[in-house]
Amino acid sequence: MEELTVLLNNVPDSYFDFVSAMVHYAQKKQSRLDALLNFLNSNPDVSSSDIVKFVSEQADFFEDAAYMSAS
């Protein structure tokens, strides 16, 4: 998780809530962390909005929301 945090903080338009949200998303599953790290390492000039778009397009993105509304 430390590598992810460093990469996210190095995004030029990074901000606290963005980093926090991406780390929270990645903590849920190893596959999420792996996908996000791969995306960041493959796209060094990415913006925070590009990362949010990538995460929101993941097949499991809405799993957390579905879980929360089912409780």
C-alpha atoms as a PDB file:
ATOM      1  CA  MET A   1       0.000   0.000   0.000  1.00  0.00           C
ATOM      2  CA  GLU A   2       2.955   2.294   0.588  1.00  0.00           C
ATOM      3  CA  GLU A   3       3.960   2.141  -3.089  1.00  0.00           C
ATOM      4  CA  LEU A   4       0.421   3.078  -4.113  1.00  0.00           C
ATOM      5  CA  THR A   5       0.339   6.022  -1.713  1.00  0.00           C
ATOM      6  CA  VAL A   6       3.647   7.336  -3.028  1.00  0.00           C
ATOM      7  CA  LEU A   7       2.539   6.998  -6.653  1.00  0.00           C
ATOM      8  CA  LEU A   8      -0.777   8.722  -5.959  1.00  0.00           C
ATOM      9  CA  ASN A   9       0.865  11.571  -4.071  1.00  0.00           C
ATOM     10  CA  ASN A  10       3.230  12.078  -7.017  1.00  0.00           C
ATOM     11  CA  VAL A  11       0.366  12.680  -9.447  1.00  0.00           C
ATOM     12  CA  PRO A  12       0.693  16.384 -10.363  1.00  0.00           C
ATOM     13  CA  ASP A  13      -2.886  17.309  -9.407  1.00  0.00           C
ATOM     14  CA  SER A  14      -3.098  14.965  -6.429  1.00  0.00           C
ATOM     15  CA  TYR A  15      -5.074  15.946  -3.342  1.00  0.00           C
ATOM     16  CA  PHE A  16      -5.794  14.342   0.033  1.00  0.00           C
ATOM     17  CA  ASP A  17      -9.343  13.066  -0.610  1.00  0.00           C
ATOM     18  CA  PHE A  18      -8.288  11.585  -3.961  1.00  0.00           C
ATOM     19  CA  VAL A  19      -5.398   9.650  -2.418  1.00  0.00           C
ATOM     20  CA  SER A  20      -7.577   8.542   0.477  1.00  0.00           C
ATOM     21  CA  ALA A  21     -10.352   7.282  -1.822  1.00  0.00           C
ATOM     22  CA  MET A  22      -7.975   5.367  -4.106  1.00  0.00           C
ATOM     23  CA  VAL A  23      -6.189   3.741  -1.161  1.00  0.00           C
ATOM     24  CA  HIS A  24      -9.535   2.805   0.390  1.00  0.00           C
ATOM     25  CA  TYR A  25     -10.650   1.242  -2.913  1.00  0.00           C
ATOM     26  CA  ALA A  26      -7.387  -0.702  -3.272  1.00  0.00           C
ATOM     27  CA  GLN A  27      -7.427  -2.006   0.322  1.00  0.00           C
ATOM     28  CA  LYS A  28     -10.551  -4.056  -0.331  1.00  0.00           C
ATOM     29  CA  LYS A  29      -8.935  -6.614  -2.683  1.00  0.00           C
ATOM     30  CA  GLN A  30      -5.439  -7.503  -3.801  1.00  0.00           C
ATOM     31  CA  SER A  31      -6.652  -7.532  -7.418  1.00  0.00           C
ATOM     32  CA  ARG A  32      -7.697  -3.884  -7.070  1.00  0.00           C
ATOM     33  CA  LEU A  33      -4.304  -2.923  -5.714  1.00  0.00           C
ATOM     34  CA  ASP A  34      -2.531  -4.827  -8.469  1.00  0.00           C
ATOM     35  CA  ALA A  35      -4.666  -3.259 -11.208  1.00  0.00           C
ATOM     36  CA  LEU A  36      -4.168   0.247  -9.852  1.00  0.00           C
ATOM     37  CA  LEU A  37      -0.406  -0.180  -9.425  1.00  0.00           C
ATOM     38  CA  ASN A  38      -0.120  -1.584 -12.939  1.00  0.00           C
ATOM     39  CA  PHE A  39      -2.138   1.320 -14.349  1.00  0.00           C
ATOM     40  CA  LEU A  40      -0.047   3.930 -12.525  1.00  0.00           C
ATOM     41  CA  ASN A  41       3.260   2.325 -13.436  1.00  0.00           C
ATOM     42  CA  SER A  42       2.196   2.009 -17.094  1.00  0.00           C
ATOM     43  CA  ASN A  43       0.939   5.611 -17.285  1.00  0.00           C
ATOM     44  CA  PRO A  44       3.436   7.893 -15.527  1.00  0.00           C
ATOM     45  CA  ASP A  45       1.878  11.122 -16.863  1.00  0.00           C
ATOM     46  CA  VAL A  46      -1.649  10.330 -15.719  1.00  0.00           C
ATOM     47  CA  SER A  47      -3.884  12.868 -13.949  1.00  0.00           C
ATOM     48  CA  SER A  48      -6.096  12.282 -10.926  1.00  0.00           C
ATOM     49  CA  SER A  49      -9.211  12.369 -13.135  1.00  0.00           C
ATOM     50  CA  ASP A  50      -7.689   9.699 -15.415  1.00  0.00           C
ATOM     51  CA  ILE A  51      -7.164   7.488 -12.373  1.00  0.00           C
ATOM     52  CA  VAL A  52     -10.685   8.068 -11.062  1.00  0.00           C
ATOM     53  CA  LYS A  53     -12.030   7.189 -14.516  1.00  0.00           C
ATOM     54  CA  PHE A  54      -9.925   4.004 -14.614  1.00  0.00           C
ATOM     55  CA  VAL A  55     -11.151   2.902 -11.178  1.00  0.00           C
ATOM     56  CA  SER A  56     -14.779   3.724 -11.939  1.00  0.00           C
ATOM     57  CA  GLU A  57     -14.618   1.554 -15.063  1.00  0.00           C
ATOM     58  CA  GLN A  58     -13.500  -1.538 -13.127  1.00  0.00           C
ATOM     59  CA  ALA A  59     -15.992  -4.398 -13.042  1.00  0.00           C
ATOM     60  CA  ASP A  60     -16.024  -4.473  -9.221  1.00  0.00           C
ATOM     61  CA  PHE A  61     -16.278  -0.708  -8.713  1.00  0.00           C
ATOM     62  CA  PHE A  62     -19.904  -0.822  -7.582  1.00  0.00           C
ATOM     63  CA  GLU A  63     -19.478  -3.803  -5.241  1.00  0.00           C
ATOM     64  CA  ASP A  64     -18.899  -1.523  -2.250  1.00  0.00           C
ATOM     65  CA  ALA A  65     -21.949   0.594  -3.033  1.00  0.00           C
ATOM     66  CA  ALA A  66     -24.117  -2.509  -3.475  1.00  0.00           C
ATOM     67  CA  TYR A  67     -22.886  -3.898  -0.171  1.00  0.00           C
ATOM     68  CA  MET A  68     -23.596  -0.644   1.636  1.00  0.00           C
ATOM     69  CA  SER A  69     -27.151  -0.338   0.322  1.00  0.00           C
ATOM     70  CA  ALA A  70     -27.891  -3.999   1.084  1.00  0.00           C
ATOM     71  CA  SER A  71     -26.977  -3.602   4.778  1.00  0.00           C
END
